[in-house]
Amino acid sequence: MNLSTTSSSDQDPPVEYCFAYKLTHMKIKVRFNLGRGTNYMKWKVQYPDGGVHYFNPDNIQMVMKGCILKNSRATALKILSGNHKTVCAWVLCDEISILTDNFIPDNGQQVKYNPKVLPFWNMDGKDMDGSRINNMYSVGKKLNIK
């Protein structure tokens, strides 16, 4: 597995590409992109230096450390009441690795977010907004606690 740092791009890196990114003071922002266009239904990773990468969830696995689940509750409540969906939730993390092989299997410890169902991050219905989670990883379009 090859590890290197990333630069700004709106394209998926080649499948054999893998990188790790670690911060000392600022956070990496991760969310699932539902905006129309070429990056629809891809993970969006924004770095503090302004770099942005989109990843097809079928080709990679994200492993994140030092995570915080963030949500704009007011926006989520508007969506729950029927307004159009807009960006209102994300994960902030200190460190992220993008794996292209040797994926961690699904452990069933899923953290979910769908403001059309509940206006907060949840695990088995429990409000998880603002929760600090040491280790998380993606399994396709899902996020699990390690």
Protein backbone atom coordinates (compact mmCIF):
# COMPACT_ATOMS: atom_id res chain seq x y z
CA MET A 1 0.00 0.00 0.00
CA ASN A 2 1.40 3.38 -1.03
CA LEU A 3 0.97 6.36 1.32
CA SER A 4 1.35 9.98 0.21
CA THR A 5 -0.28 13.34 0.88
CA THR A 6 -3.06 14.70 -1.31
CA SER A 7 -3.65 17.77 -3.42
CA SER A 8 -6.82 19.47 -4.60
CA SER A 9 -8.84 17.62 -7.24
CA ASP A 10 -12.41 16.92 -8.20
CA GLN A 11 -11.54 13.53 -9.68
CA ASP A 12 -11.17 10.15 -7.98
CA PRO A 13 -7.52 9.22 -7.55
CA PRO A 14 -6.46 6.02 -9.34
CA VAL A 15 -7.63 2.88 -7.55
CA GLU A 16 -4.11 1.93 -6.48
CA TYR A 17 -3.66 5.38 -4.86
CA CYS A 18 -3.75 5.56 -1.07
CA PHE A 19 -2.85 8.38 1.25
CA ALA A 20 -2.89 9.46 4.84
CA TYR A 21 -3.30 13.01 6.09
CA LYS A 22 -2.72 14.13 9.66
CA LEU A 23 -3.28 17.53 11.21
CA THR A 24 -1.94 19.10 14.33
CA HIS A 25 -4.48 21.88 14.91
CA MET A 26 -7.16 22.12 12.19
CA LYS A 27 -9.78 19.56 11.23
CA ILE A 28 -10.55 17.67 8.05
CA LYS A 29 -14.23 17.90 7.04
CA VAL A 30 -15.93 14.78 5.64
CA ARG A 31 -19.47 14.47 4.33
CA PHE A 32 -21.48 12.50 1.82
CA ASN A 33 -22.16 14.60 -1.28
CA LEU A 34 -25.77 14.59 -2.50
CA GLY A 35 -25.40 17.60 -4.78
CA ARG A 36 -26.12 16.96 -8.44
CA GLY A 37 -23.27 16.51 -10.86
CA THR A 38 -20.25 14.31 -11.39
CA ASN A 39 -19.59 13.95 -7.65
CA TYR A 40 -23.13 12.91 -6.70
CA MET A 41 -23.17 10.09 -4.11
CA LYS A 42 -19.44 10.36 -3.37
CA TRP A 43 -17.59 11.10 -0.15
CA LYS A 44 -16.34 14.68 -0.06
CA VAL A 45 -13.15 15.29 1.93
CA GLN A 46 -12.14 18.93 2.53
CA TYR A 47 -8.70 19.71 3.89
CA PRO A 48 -7.79 22.85 5.87
CA ASP A 49 -5.42 23.95 3.10
CA GLY A 50 -8.43 24.23 0.75
CA GLY A 51 -7.86 20.91 -1.01
CA VAL A 52 -10.97 18.89 -1.84
CA HIS A 53 -11.23 15.26 -2.98
CA TYR A 54 -14.30 13.23 -3.93
CA PHE A 55 -14.24 9.45 -3.52
CA ASN A 56 -16.52 6.79 -4.91
CA PRO A 57 -17.67 4.80 -1.85
CA ASP A 58 -17.51 1.55 -3.84
CA ASN A 59 -13.75 1.92 -4.46
CA ILE A 60 -12.31 3.15 -1.17
CA GLN A 61 -12.60 2.99 2.60
CA MET A 62 -11.97 6.01 4.80
CA VAL A 63 -10.42 5.46 8.23
CA MET A 64 -10.75 8.53 10.43
CA LYS A 65 -9.27 9.36 13.83
CA GLY A 66 -10.17 12.09 16.33
CA CYS A 67 -13.72 12.58 15.01
CA ILE A 68 -16.56 14.89 16.01
CA LEU A 69 -20.09 14.50 14.59
CA LYS A 70 -21.36 17.95 13.56
CA ASN A 71 -24.88 19.03 12.63
CA SER A 72 -26.83 22.22 12.07
CA ARG A 73 -29.91 21.28 14.10
CA ALA A 74 -31.96 24.28 12.86
CA THR A 75 -31.36 23.31 9.23
CA ALA A 76 -32.07 19.64 9.98
CA LEU A 77 -35.39 20.54 11.64
CA LYS A 78 -36.41 22.51 8.53
CA ILE A 79 -35.63 19.47 6.37
CA LEU A 80 -37.56 17.21 8.75
CA SER A 81 -40.58 19.50 8.38
CA GLY A 82 -40.46 19.20 4.59
CA ASN A 83 -38.06 21.86 3.29
CA HIS A 84 -35.58 20.99 0.55
CA LYS A 85 -32.49 19.14 1.70
CA THR A 86 -29.28 21.14 2.02
CA VAL A 87 -25.88 20.48 3.63
CA CYS A 88 -26.31 20.34 7.38
CA ALA A 89 -24.09 17.55 8.74
CA TRP A 90 -20.47 16.44 8.52
CA VAL A 91 -17.67 14.74 10.42
CA LEU A 92 -14.63 16.68 11.55
CA CYS A 93 -11.52 14.57 12.05
CA ASP A 94 -7.86 15.03 12.93
CA GLU A 95 -6.57 12.31 10.65
CA ILE A 96 -7.84 10.40 7.62
CA SER A 97 -6.51 7.49 5.61
CA ILE A 98 -8.03 6.43 2.31
CA LEU A 99 -7.70 2.69 1.73
CA THR A 100 -8.05 0.98 -1.63
CA ASP A 101 -7.66 -2.60 -0.40
CA ASN A 102 -7.64 -4.70 2.79
CA PHE A 103 -10.89 -3.07 3.95
CA ILE A 104 -12.07 -3.31 7.55
CA PRO A 105 -15.22 -5.47 7.64
CA ASP A 106 -18.59 -4.00 8.65
CA ASN A 107 -18.98 -4.42 12.43
CA GLY A 108 -22.60 -3.24 12.53
CA GLN A 109 -21.75 -0.25 14.78
CA GLN A 110 -23.24 2.26 12.34
CA VAL A 111 -23.73 5.97 12.98
CA LYS A 112 -26.52 7.32 10.75
CA TYR A 113 -27.64 10.70 9.50
CA ASN A 114 -30.84 11.38 7.58
CA PRO A 115 -32.62 14.63 8.52
CA LYS A 116 -35.78 13.42 6.78
CA VAL A 117 -36.03 10.77 9.53
CA LEU A 118 -34.26 12.28 12.58
CA PRO A 119 -32.73 15.79 12.84
CA PHE A 120 -29.48 14.53 14.40
CA TRP A 121 -26.68 12.01 14.03
CA ASN A 122 -27.87 8.81 15.65
CA MET A 123 -26.86 5.34 16.69
CA ASP A 124 -29.87 3.12 17.24
CA GLY A 125 -32.01 6.27 17.62
CA LYS A 126 -29.76 7.85 20.28
CA ASP A 127 -28.75 11.49 19.59
CA MET A 128 -25.03 11.52 18.74
CA ASP A 129 -24.64 15.20 17.70
CA GLY A 130 -21.36 16.59 18.98
CA SER A 131 -20.08 13.15 19.98
CA ARG A 132 -16.34 12.67 19.98
CA ILE A 133 -15.36 9.35 18.45
CA ASN A 134 -11.77 8.11 18.49
CA ASN A 135 -11.97 5.92 15.39
CA MET A 136 -14.48 5.71 12.54
CA TYR A 137 -14.45 4.08 9.14
CA SER A 138 -16.64 3.95 6.07
CA VAL A 139 -18.26 0.86 4.61
CA GLY A 140 -19.60 1.99 1.27
CA LYS A 141 -22.04 4.82 2.05
CA LYS A 142 -22.15 4.02 5.79
CA LEU A 143 -20.04 5.23 8.71
CA ASN A 144 -19.09 2.87 11.51
CA ILE A 145 -17.48 3.33 14.91
CA LYS A 146 -14.39 1.19 15.27
